[in-house]
Amino acid sequence: MEQIGTNKSFGGWQRRYRYSSAVLDCEMTFSIYLPPQAEQGPVPVLYWLSGLACTDENFVTKAGAQQYAAEQGIAIVAADTSPRGEGVPDDPEGNYDFGLGAGFYVNATQQPWASHYRMYDYIVTELPALVTAHFPVDANRQSISGHSMGGHGALTIALKNPGRFRSVSAFAPISSPIRCPWGEKALAGYLGDDRDRWRQYDSTELIRQTQEQLPMLVDQGEGDGFLSEQLKPELLEAACRAAGYPITLRRQPGYDHSYFFIATFIADHIRFHAEHLHR
């Protein structure tokens, strides 16, 4: 594992690493913020999953999360959004919503994607094992969050792995990828045309099956241009209501899909997770 970036920030360290991923069969990068409390011993950890066309750097440079992570004594791991590098296939038409930068946090079963696009296993298994082995984080105190495609990833991964996380949150998540153009394109490409196989990566379907009720916070901007066609928070809200699953879904007037929206409310999300991680 090679350190490729380090910056002092709010008494802690923002660092970036490159390593060879066995799960994705390519070189991967990730970023980690270690708060000043990590110098005294293991700290809780929040995993962040970004959206379409992003890398691990978008959250690190735009969200302004380090100040609040330092205040709460929480490490933040920001993952990349897809495999990358020579030999990793991309959307043949070069679109942003499939292929590079758009792994959708699923395990692909269709070729040519199946050899590299195993982002679900990467986030659930490989990256946490690497982080726990090399950094002062407490594997028993983990939470997960994300934005857009990454919000979808955070919700589905939390719901599919009971007992793993203390809490989950999302900004403008793709609430039901089986019912929106982004999701339909990605799931058909990575998993094939059998829509029943898609349901395992849809939070509105998983809510109906889960026995664990995690604390869940979702923020959605009402000025988001993707709101009605792609995000559809009302489907997540309805699924939670039908299943008796508690959710705090806040609709924020005027806010769009950008990191200006995330930066505005990231303190709330970090404090939300801290409340559960420090118990």
C-alpha atoms as a PDB file:
ATOM      1  CA  MET A   1       0.000   0.000   0.000  1.00  0.00           C
ATOM      2  CA  GLU A   2       1.479   3.323  -1.114  1.00  0.00           C
ATOM      3  CA  GLN A   3       0.666   6.665   0.474  1.00  0.00           C
ATOM      4  CA  ILE A   4       0.105   9.169  -2.339  1.00  0.00           C
ATOM      5  CA  GLY A   5      -1.172  12.163  -0.374  1.00  0.00           C
ATOM      6  CA  THR A   6      -1.197  13.604   3.140  1.00  0.00           C
ATOM      7  CA  ASN A   7      -2.484  16.901   4.566  1.00  0.00           C
ATOM      8  CA  LYS A   8      -2.834  18.131   8.125  1.00  0.00           C
ATOM      9  CA  SER A   9      -6.456  19.090   8.776  1.00  0.00           C
ATOM     10  CA  PHE A  10      -8.172  20.214  12.009  1.00  0.00           C
ATOM     11  CA  GLY A  11      -5.509  18.536  14.117  1.00  0.00           C
ATOM     12  CA  GLY A  12      -5.769  15.239  12.248  1.00  0.00           C
ATOM     13  CA  TRP A  13      -4.542  13.887   8.933  1.00  0.00           C
ATOM     14  CA  GLN A  14      -6.240  13.564   5.558  1.00  0.00           C
ATOM     15  CA  ARG A  15      -4.406  10.832   3.671  1.00  0.00           C
ATOM     16  CA  ARG A  16      -4.738   9.008   0.356  1.00  0.00           C
ATOM     17  CA  TYR A  17      -3.468   5.552  -0.605  1.00  0.00           C
ATOM     18  CA  ARG A  18      -3.040   3.348  -3.661  1.00  0.00           C
ATOM     19  CA  TYR A  19      -2.904  -0.438  -3.584  1.00  0.00           C
ATOM     20  CA  SER A  20      -3.586  -3.506  -5.712  1.00  0.00           C
ATOM     21  CA  SER A  21      -7.123  -4.802  -5.136  1.00  0.00           C
ATOM     22  CA  ALA A  22      -7.552  -8.576  -5.258  1.00  0.00           C
ATOM     23  CA  VAL A  23     -11.349  -8.297  -5.453  1.00  0.00           C
ATOM     24  CA  LEU A  24     -11.408  -5.827  -8.354  1.00  0.00           C
ATOM     25  CA  ASP A  25      -8.211  -7.035 -10.042  1.00  0.00           C
ATOM     26  CA  CYS A  26      -6.838  -3.525 -10.540  1.00  0.00           C
ATOM     27  CA  GLU A  27      -5.133  -0.717  -8.669  1.00  0.00           C
ATOM     28  CA  MET A  28      -7.472   1.227  -6.382  1.00  0.00           C
ATOM     29  CA  THR A  29      -7.228   4.421  -4.375  1.00  0.00           C
ATOM     30  CA  PHE A  30      -9.024   5.447  -1.210  1.00  0.00           C
ATOM     31  CA  SER A  31      -8.832   8.346   1.216  1.00  0.00           C
ATOM     32  CA  ILE A  32      -8.996   8.317   5.006  1.00  0.00           C
ATOM     33  CA  TYR A  33      -9.322  11.121   7.513  1.00  0.00           C
ATOM     34  CA  LEU A  34      -7.783  10.279  10.880  1.00  0.00           C
ATOM     35  CA  PRO A  35      -8.942  12.687  13.606  1.00  0.00           C
ATOM     36  CA  PRO A  36      -6.506  13.813  16.302  1.00  0.00           C
ATOM     37  CA  GLN A  37      -8.077  11.320  18.742  1.00  0.00           C
ATOM     38  CA  ALA A  38      -6.668   8.466  16.602  1.00  0.00           C
ATOM     39  CA  GLU A  39      -3.221   9.238  18.028  1.00  0.00           C
ATOM     40  CA  GLN A  40      -4.472   7.962  21.402  1.00  0.00           C
ATOM     41  CA  GLY A  41      -6.094   4.755  20.162  1.00  0.00           C
ATOM     42  CA  PRO A  42      -8.723   3.260  17.836  1.00  0.00           C
ATOM     43  CA  VAL A  43     -11.626   5.522  16.840  1.00  0.00           C
ATOM     44  CA  PRO A  44     -15.013   4.781  15.243  1.00  0.00           C
ATOM     45  CA  VAL A  45     -15.141   4.843  11.453  1.00  0.00           C
ATOM     46  CA  LEU A  46     -17.623   6.190   8.919  1.00  0.00           C
ATOM     47  CA  TYR A  47     -17.495   4.830   5.360  1.00  0.00           C
ATOM     48  CA  TRP A  48     -18.476   7.285   2.619  1.00  0.00           C
ATOM     49  CA  LEU A  49     -19.683   6.197  -0.841  1.00  0.00           C
ATOM     50  CA  SER A  50     -19.776   8.810  -3.599  1.00  0.00           C
ATOM     51  CA  GLY A  51     -22.004   9.218  -6.627  1.00  0.00           C
ATOM     52  CA  LEU A  52     -21.791   8.889 -10.383  1.00  0.00           C
ATOM     53  CA  ALA A  53     -18.602  10.140 -12.055  1.00  0.00           C
ATOM     54  CA  CYS A  54     -16.926  10.813  -8.679  1.00  0.00           C
ATOM     55  CA  THR A  55     -13.726   9.444  -7.161  1.00  0.00           C
ATOM     56  CA  ASP A  56     -12.630   9.254  -3.531  1.00  0.00           C
ATOM     57  CA  GLU A  57     -11.438  12.863  -3.787  1.00  0.00           C
ATOM     58  CA  ASN A  58     -14.775  14.637  -4.344  1.00  0.00           C
ATOM     59  CA  PHE A  59     -15.984  14.172  -0.778  1.00  0.00           C
ATOM     60  CA  VAL A  60     -12.556  14.876   0.695  1.00  0.00           C
ATOM     61  CA  THR A  61     -12.132  18.244  -1.023  1.00  0.00           C
ATOM     62  CA  LYS A  62     -15.736  19.517  -1.208  1.00  0.00           C
ATOM     63  CA  ALA A  63     -17.789  18.266   1.753  1.00  0.00           C
ATOM     64  CA  GLY A  64     -15.916  20.040   4.551  1.00  0.00           C
ATOM     65  CA  ALA A  65     -16.309  16.975   6.761  1.00  0.00           C
ATOM     66  CA  GLN A  66     -12.897  17.015   8.460  1.00  0.00           C
ATOM     67  CA  GLN A  67     -13.783  19.728  10.973  1.00  0.00           C
ATOM     68  CA  TYR A  68     -16.792  17.788  12.270  1.00  0.00           C
ATOM     69  CA  ALA A  69     -15.021  14.428  12.176  1.00  0.00           C
ATOM     70  CA  ALA A  70     -12.273  15.960  14.334  1.00  0.00           C
ATOM     71  CA  GLU A  71     -14.822  17.359  16.763  1.00  0.00           C
ATOM     72  CA  GLN A  72     -16.517  13.964  17.108  1.00  0.00           C
ATOM     73  CA  GLY A  73     -13.385  11.809  16.999  1.00  0.00           C
ATOM     74  CA  ILE A  74     -14.463   9.784  13.961  1.00  0.00           C
ATOM     75  CA  ALA A  75     -12.343   8.501  11.060  1.00  0.00           C
ATOM     76  CA  ILE A  76     -13.863   8.792   7.582  1.00  0.00           C
ATOM     77  CA  VAL A  77     -12.957   6.419   4.757  1.00  0.00           C
ATOM     78  CA  ALA A  78     -13.876   7.674   1.276  1.00  0.00           C
ATOM     79  CA  ALA A  79     -13.942   4.938  -1.362  1.00  0.00           C
ATOM     80  CA  ASP A  80     -13.695   5.204  -5.129  1.00  0.00           C
ATOM     81  CA  THR A  81     -16.819   4.524  -7.171  1.00  0.00           C
ATOM     82  CA  SER A  82     -15.586   1.822  -9.563  1.00  0.00           C
ATOM     83  CA  PRO A  83     -12.582  -0.222 -10.619  1.00  0.00           C
ATOM     84  CA  ARG A  84     -10.161   1.670 -12.859  1.00  0.00           C
ATOM     85  CA  GLY A  85      -7.065   1.245 -14.974  1.00  0.00           C
ATOM     86  CA  GLU A  86      -5.798  -0.531 -18.043  1.00  0.00           C
ATOM     87  CA  GLY A  87      -7.968  -3.492 -18.956  1.00  0.00           C
ATOM     88  CA  VAL A  88     -11.008  -2.319 -16.966  1.00  0.00           C
ATOM     89  CA  PRO A  89     -13.945  -1.945 -19.395  1.00  0.00           C
ATOM     90  CA  ASP A  90     -15.934   1.267 -19.688  1.00  0.00           C
ATOM     91  CA  ASP A  91     -19.294   2.201 -21.197  1.00  0.00           C
ATOM     92  CA  PRO A  92     -18.830   1.706 -24.949  1.00  0.00           C
ATOM     93  CA  GLU A  93     -20.461   5.086 -25.550  1.00  0.00           C
ATOM     94  CA  GLY A  94     -18.431   6.822 -22.843  1.00  0.00           C
ATOM     95  CA  ASN A  95     -21.461   7.878 -20.798  1.00  0.00           C
ATOM     96  CA  TYR A  96     -20.992   8.894 -17.165  1.00  0.00           C
ATOM     97  CA  ASP A  97     -23.760   6.660 -15.789  1.00  0.00           C
ATOM     98  CA  PHE A  98     -22.203   3.261 -16.537  1.00  0.00           C
ATOM     99  CA  GLY A  99     -18.724   1.769 -16.405  1.00  0.00           C
ATOM    100  CA  LEU A 100     -15.847   3.834 -15.005  1.00  0.00           C
ATOM    101  CA  GLY A 101     -17.035   5.973 -12.109  1.00  0.00           C
ATOM    102  CA  ALA A 102     -20.363   4.133 -11.997  1.00  0.00           C
ATOM    103  CA  GLY A 103     -19.870   0.776 -10.281  1.00  0.00           C
ATOM    104  CA  PHE A 104     -23.244   1.058  -8.476  1.00  0.00           C
ATOM    105  CA  TYR A 105     -21.894  -0.958  -5.522  1.00  0.00           C
ATOM    106  CA  VAL A 106     -23.059  -4.284  -6.972  1.00  0.00           C
ATOM    107  CA  ASN A 107     -21.271  -7.510  -7.919  1.00  0.00           C
ATOM    108  CA  ALA A 108     -21.509  -7.775 -11.691  1.00  0.00           C
ATOM    109  CA  THR A 109     -22.373 -11.166 -13.135  1.00  0.00           C
ATOM    110  CA  GLN A 110     -22.327 -10.274 -16.850  1.00  0.00           C
ATOM    111  CA  GLN A 111     -19.240 -10.086 -19.060  1.00  0.00           C
ATOM    112  CA  PRO A 112     -17.114  -8.119 -19.611  1.00  0.00           C
ATOM    113  CA  TRP A 113     -17.993  -6.486 -16.272  1.00  0.00           C
ATOM    114  CA  ALA A 114     -17.858  -9.498 -13.931  1.00  0.00           C
ATOM    115  CA  SER A 115     -14.054  -9.703 -13.889  1.00  0.00           C
ATOM    116  CA  HIS A 116     -13.604  -6.275 -12.288  1.00  0.00           C
ATOM    117  CA  TYR A 117     -16.925  -4.741 -11.256  1.00  0.00           C
ATOM    118  CA  ARG A 118     -17.394  -6.313  -7.822  1.00  0.00           C
ATOM    119  CA  MET A 119     -17.877  -3.125  -5.849  1.00  0.00           C
ATOM    120  CA  TYR A 120     -20.250  -4.711  -3.333  1.00  0.00           C
ATOM    121  CA  ASP A 121     -17.582  -7.192  -2.183  1.00  0.00           C
ATOM    122  CA  TYR A 122     -14.977  -4.441  -2.283  1.00  0.00           C
ATOM    123  CA  ILE A 123     -16.923  -2.170   0.080  1.00  0.00           C
ATOM    124  CA  VAL A 124     -18.257  -4.921   2.349  1.00  0.00           C
ATOM    125  CA  THR A 125     -15.164  -7.109   2.645  1.00  0.00           C
ATOM    126  CA  GLU A 126     -11.849  -5.972   1.186  1.00  0.00           C
ATOM    127  CA  LEU A 127     -11.684  -2.260   2.006  1.00  0.00           C
ATOM    128  CA  PRO A 128     -12.801  -2.590   5.676  1.00  0.00           C
ATOM    129  CA  ALA A 129     -10.307  -5.434   6.216  1.00  0.00           C
ATOM    130  CA  LEU A 130      -7.515  -3.286   4.780  1.00  0.00           C
ATOM    131  CA  VAL A 131      -8.495  -0.239   6.835  1.00  0.00           C
ATOM    132  CA  THR A 132      -8.804  -2.207  10.059  1.00  0.00           C
ATOM    133  CA  ALA A 133      -5.419  -3.857   9.529  1.00  0.00           C
ATOM    134  CA  HIS A 134      -3.501  -0.643   8.845  1.00  0.00           C
ATOM    135  CA  PHE A 135      -5.197   2.188  10.754  1.00  0.00           C
ATOM    136  CA  PRO A 136      -6.323   2.855  14.340  1.00  0.00           C
ATOM    137  CA  VAL A 137     -10.050   2.305  13.765  1.00  0.00           C
ATOM    138  CA  ASP A 138     -12.508   0.233  15.772  1.00  0.00           C
ATOM    139  CA  ALA A 139     -14.101  -2.417  13.539  1.00  0.00           C
ATOM    140  CA  ASN A 140     -16.918  -2.842  16.062  1.00  0.00           C
ATOM    141  CA  ARG A 141     -18.008   0.788  15.657  1.00  0.00           C
ATOM    142  CA  GLN A 142     -18.777   1.401  11.982  1.00  0.00           C
ATOM    143  CA  SER A 143     -21.380   3.473  10.153  1.00  0.00           C
ATOM    144  CA  ILE A 144     -21.953   4.174   6.471  1.00  0.00           C
ATOM    145  CA  SER A 145     -23.163   7.106   4.377  1.00  0.00           C
ATOM    146  CA  GLY A 146     -23.210   8.239   0.774  1.00  0.00           C
ATOM    147  CA  HIS A 147     -24.569  10.504  -1.948  1.00  0.00           C
ATOM    148  CA  SER A 148     -26.803   9.683  -4.933  1.00  0.00           C
ATOM    149  CA  MET A 149     -25.472   6.378  -6.345  1.00  0.00           C
ATOM    150  CA  GLY A 150     -23.443   6.196  -3.137  1.00  0.00           C
ATOM    151  CA  GLY A 151     -26.569   6.831  -1.088  1.00  0.00           C
ATOM    152  CA  HIS A 152     -28.089   3.818  -2.805  1.00  0.00           C
ATOM    153  CA  GLY A 153     -24.917   1.876  -1.987  1.00  0.00           C
ATOM    154  CA  ALA A 154     -24.915   2.923   1.665  1.00  0.00           C
ATOM    155  CA  LEU A 155     -28.563   2.007   2.192  1.00  0.00           C
ATOM    156  CA  THR A 156     -28.398  -1.363   0.451  1.00  0.00           C
ATOM    157  CA  ILE A 157     -25.107  -2.406   2.042  1.00  0.00           C
ATOM    158  CA  ALA A 158     -26.375  -1.477   5.500  1.00  0.00           C
ATOM    159  CA  LEU A 159     -29.645  -3.351   4.952  1.00  0.00           C
ATOM    160  CA  LYS A 160     -27.902  -6.449   3.566  1.00  0.00           C
ATOM    161  CA  ASN A 161     -25.408  -6.699   6.440  1.00  0.00           C
ATOM    162  CA  PRO A 162     -27.265  -6.725   9.763  1.00  0.00           C
ATOM    163  CA  GLY A 163     -25.052  -6.217  12.774  1.00  0.00           C
ATOM    164  CA  ARG A 164     -22.275  -4.561  10.773  1.00  0.00           C
ATOM    165  CA  PHE A 165     -23.165  -0.881  11.138  1.00  0.00           C
ATOM    166  CA  ARG A 166     -24.412   1.311  13.967  1.00  0.00           C
ATOM    167  CA  SER A 167     -26.234   3.763  11.665  1.00  0.00           C
ATOM    168  CA  VAL A 168     -26.766   4.696   8.012  1.00  0.00           C
ATOM    169  CA  SER A 169     -27.403   7.993   6.245  1.00  0.00           C
ATOM    170  CA  ALA A 170     -27.706   9.281   2.704  1.00  0.00           C
ATOM    171  CA  PHE A 171     -27.839  12.477   0.686  1.00  0.00           C
ATOM    172  CA  ALA A 172     -30.205  12.363  -2.295  1.00  0.00           C
ATOM    173  CA  PRO A 173     -29.999   8.575  -2.667  1.00  0.00           C
ATOM    174  CA  ILE A 174     -31.210   6.651  -5.692  1.00  0.00           C
ATOM    175  CA  SER A 175     -33.997   5.211  -3.569  1.00  0.00           C
ATOM    176  CA  SER A 176     -35.175   2.492  -5.927  1.00  0.00           C
ATOM    177  CA  PRO A 177     -32.745   1.713  -8.778  1.00  0.00           C
ATOM    178  CA  ILE A 178     -35.121  -0.896 -10.223  1.00  0.00           C
ATOM    179  CA  ARG A 179     -37.551   1.961 -10.905  1.00  0.00           C
ATOM    180  CA  CYS A 180     -35.390   4.700 -12.459  1.00  0.00           C
ATOM    181  CA  PRO A 181     -33.358   5.126 -15.679  1.00  0.00           C
ATOM    182  CA  TRP A 182     -29.929   5.239 -13.990  1.00  0.00           C
ATOM    183  CA  GLY A 183     -30.611   2.076 -12.059  1.00  0.00           C
ATOM    184  CA  GLU A 184     -32.278   0.194 -14.884  1.00  0.00           C
ATOM    185  CA  LYS A 185     -29.303   0.820 -17.176  1.00  0.00           C
ATOM    186  CA  ALA A 186     -26.720  -0.156 -14.552  1.00  0.00           C
ATOM    187  CA  LEU A 187     -28.485  -3.224 -13.199  1.00  0.00           C
ATOM    188  CA  ALA A 188     -29.312  -4.563 -16.656  1.00  0.00           C
ATOM    189  CA  GLY A 189     -25.709  -4.081 -17.736  1.00  0.00           C
ATOM    190  CA  TYR A 190     -24.060  -5.566 -14.662  1.00  0.00           C
ATOM    191  CA  LEU A 191     -26.626  -8.246 -13.736  1.00  0.00           C
ATOM    192  CA  GLY A 192     -28.503  -9.083 -16.938  1.00  0.00           C
ATOM    193  CA  ASP A 193     -32.162  -8.728 -17.890  1.00  0.00           C
ATOM    194  CA  ASP A 194     -33.724 -10.765 -15.071  1.00  0.00           C
ATOM    195  CA  ARG A 195     -35.291  -8.013 -12.971  1.00  0.00           C
ATOM    196  CA  ASP A 196     -35.789 -10.358 -10.024  1.00  0.00           C
ATOM    197  CA  ARG A 197     -32.004 -10.405  -9.607  1.00  0.00           C
ATOM    198  CA  TRP A 198     -31.989  -6.633  -9.357  1.00  0.00           C
ATOM    199  CA  ARG A 199     -34.123  -6.585  -6.215  1.00  0.00           C
ATOM    200  CA  GLN A 200     -31.190  -7.583  -3.978  1.00  0.00           C
ATOM    201  CA  TYR A 201     -29.699  -4.130  -4.639  1.00  0.00           C
ATOM    202  CA  ASP A 202     -32.836  -2.043  -4.130  1.00  0.00           C
ATOM    203  CA  SER A 203     -33.386  -0.444  -0.713  1.00  0.00           C
ATOM    204  CA  THR A 204     -37.181  -0.319  -1.081  1.00  0.00           C
ATOM    205  CA  GLU A 205     -37.203  -4.087  -1.579  1.00  0.00           C
ATOM    206  CA  LEU A 206     -34.678  -4.801   1.189  1.00  0.00           C
ATOM    207  CA  ILE A 207     -36.608  -2.695   3.727  1.00  0.00           C
ATOM    208  CA  ARG A 208     -39.460  -5.194   3.471  1.00  0.00           C
ATOM    209  CA  GLN A 209     -37.188  -8.113   4.378  1.00  0.00           C
ATOM    210  CA  THR A 210     -34.827  -6.812   7.055  1.00  0.00           C
ATOM    211  CA  GLN A 211     -35.152  -7.799  10.701  1.00  0.00           C
ATOM    212  CA  GLU A 212     -32.747  -5.095  11.903  1.00  0.00           C
ATOM    213  CA  GLN A 213     -33.839  -1.486  12.247  1.00  0.00           C
ATOM    214  CA  LEU A 214     -30.832   0.799  11.966  1.00  0.00           C
ATOM    215  CA  PRO A 215     -31.034   4.507  12.737  1.00  0.00           C
ATOM    216  CA  MET A 216     -31.520   6.032   9.252  1.00  0.00           C
ATOM    217  CA  LEU A 217     -31.181   9.678   8.189  1.00  0.00           C
ATOM    218  CA  VAL A 218     -31.842  10.859   4.622  1.00  0.00           C
ATOM    219  CA  ASP A 219     -31.592  14.412   3.292  1.00  0.00           C
ATOM    220  CA  GLN A 220     -33.090  15.337  -0.074  1.00  0.00           C
ATOM    221  CA  GLY A 221     -32.928  18.729  -1.749  1.00  0.00           C
ATOM    222  CA  GLU A 222     -36.230  19.870  -3.204  1.00  0.00           C
ATOM    223  CA  GLY A 223     -34.393  21.814  -5.922  1.00  0.00           C
ATOM    224  CA  ASP A 224     -32.597  18.675  -7.118  1.00  0.00           C
ATOM    225  CA  GLY A 225     -32.934  18.287 -10.885  1.00  0.00           C
ATOM    226  CA  PHE A 226     -32.853  14.498 -10.577  1.00  0.00           C
ATOM    227  CA  LEU A 227     -35.535  14.317  -7.891  1.00  0.00           C
ATOM    228  CA  SER A 228     -38.615  13.101  -9.748  1.00  0.00           C
ATOM    229  CA  GLU A 229     -37.047  10.910 -12.459  1.00  0.00           C
ATOM    230  CA  GLN A 230     -34.058   9.276 -10.736  1.00  0.00           C
ATOM    231  CA  LEU A 231     -34.166   9.632  -6.937  1.00  0.00           C
ATOM    232  CA  LYS A 232     -37.813   9.179  -5.897  1.00  0.00           C
ATOM    233  CA  PRO A 233     -37.484   9.455  -2.106  1.00  0.00           C
ATOM    234  CA  GLU A 234     -41.221   8.951  -1.772  1.00  0.00           C
ATOM    235  CA  LEU A 235     -40.702   5.280  -2.704  1.00  0.00           C
ATOM    236  CA  LEU A 236     -38.228   4.805   0.146  1.00  0.00           C
ATOM    237  CA  GLU A 237     -40.523   6.649   2.530  1.00  0.00           C
ATOM    238  CA  ALA A 238     -43.502   4.502   1.511  1.00  0.00           C
ATOM    239  CA  ALA A 239     -41.504   1.266   1.865  1.00  0.00           C
ATOM    240  CA  CYS A 240     -40.380   2.272   5.359  1.00  0.00           C
ATOM    241  CA  ARG A 241     -43.917   3.189   6.345  1.00  0.00           C
ATOM    242  CA  ALA A 242     -45.281  -0.136   5.092  1.00  0.00           C
ATOM    243  CA  ALA A 243     -42.570  -2.096   6.926  1.00  0.00           C
ATOM    244  CA  GLY A 244     -42.765  -0.055  10.133  1.00  0.00           C
ATOM    245  CA  TYR A 245     -39.123   0.930   9.637  1.00  0.00           C
ATOM    246  CA  PRO A 246     -38.188   4.226  11.328  1.00  0.00           C
ATOM    247  CA  ILE A 247     -36.623   6.803   9.006  1.00  0.00           C
ATOM    248  CA  THR A 248     -35.850  10.498   9.285  1.00  0.00           C
ATOM    249  CA  LEU A 249     -36.288  11.870   5.752  1.00  0.00           C
ATOM    250  CA  ARG A 250     -35.738  15.622   5.540  1.00  0.00           C
ATOM    251  CA  ARG A 251     -36.744  17.543   2.432  1.00  0.00           C
ATOM    252  CA  GLN A 252     -34.603  20.654   2.142  1.00  0.00           C
ATOM    253  CA  PRO A 253     -36.206  23.520   0.152  1.00  0.00           C
ATOM    254  CA  GLY A 254     -34.086  24.972  -2.640  1.00  0.00           C
ATOM    255  CA  TYR A 255     -31.095  22.645  -2.361  1.00  0.00           C
ATOM    256  CA  ASP A 256     -29.799  20.869  -5.457  1.00  0.00           C
ATOM    257  CA  HIS A 257     -27.756  17.691  -6.063  1.00  0.00           C
ATOM    258  CA  SER A 258     -24.326  19.261  -5.624  1.00  0.00           C
ATOM    259  CA  TYR A 259     -21.689  19.225  -2.903  1.00  0.00           C
ATOM    260  CA  PHE A 260     -22.958  22.633  -1.797  1.00  0.00           C
ATOM    261  CA  PHE A 261     -25.973  20.677  -0.519  1.00  0.00           C
ATOM    262  CA  ILE A 262     -23.777  18.040   1.131  1.00  0.00           C
ATOM    263  CA  ALA A 263     -21.489  20.627   2.740  1.00  0.00           C
ATOM    264  CA  THR A 264     -24.520  22.378   4.226  1.00  0.00           C
ATOM    265  CA  PHE A 265     -25.768  19.323   6.106  1.00  0.00           C
ATOM    266  CA  ILE A 266     -22.671  17.145   6.576  1.00  0.00           C
ATOM    267  CA  ALA A 267     -22.270  18.324  10.181  1.00  0.00           C
ATOM    268  CA  ASP A 268     -25.757  17.013  10.967  1.00  0.00           C
ATOM    269  CA  HIS A 269     -24.898  13.633   9.471  1.00  0.00           C
ATOM    270  CA  ILE A 270     -21.595  13.280  11.306  1.00  0.00           C
ATOM    271  CA  ARG A 271     -23.234  14.207  14.599  1.00  0.00           C
ATOM    272  CA  PHE A 272     -26.033  11.729  13.860  1.00  0.00           C
ATOM    273  CA  HIS A 273     -23.513   8.940  13.360  1.00  0.00           C
ATOM    274  CA  ALA A 274     -21.439  10.040  16.364  1.00  0.00           C
ATOM    275  CA  GLU A 275     -24.489   9.674  18.592  1.00  0.00           C
ATOM    276  CA  HIS A 276     -24.613   5.967  17.731  1.00  0.00           C
ATOM    277  CA  LEU A 277     -20.910   5.269  17.258  1.00  0.00           C
ATOM    278  CA  HIS A 278     -19.955   6.524  20.706  1.00  0.00           C
ATOM    279  CA  ARG A 279     -22.505   4.420  22.579  1.00  0.00           C
END
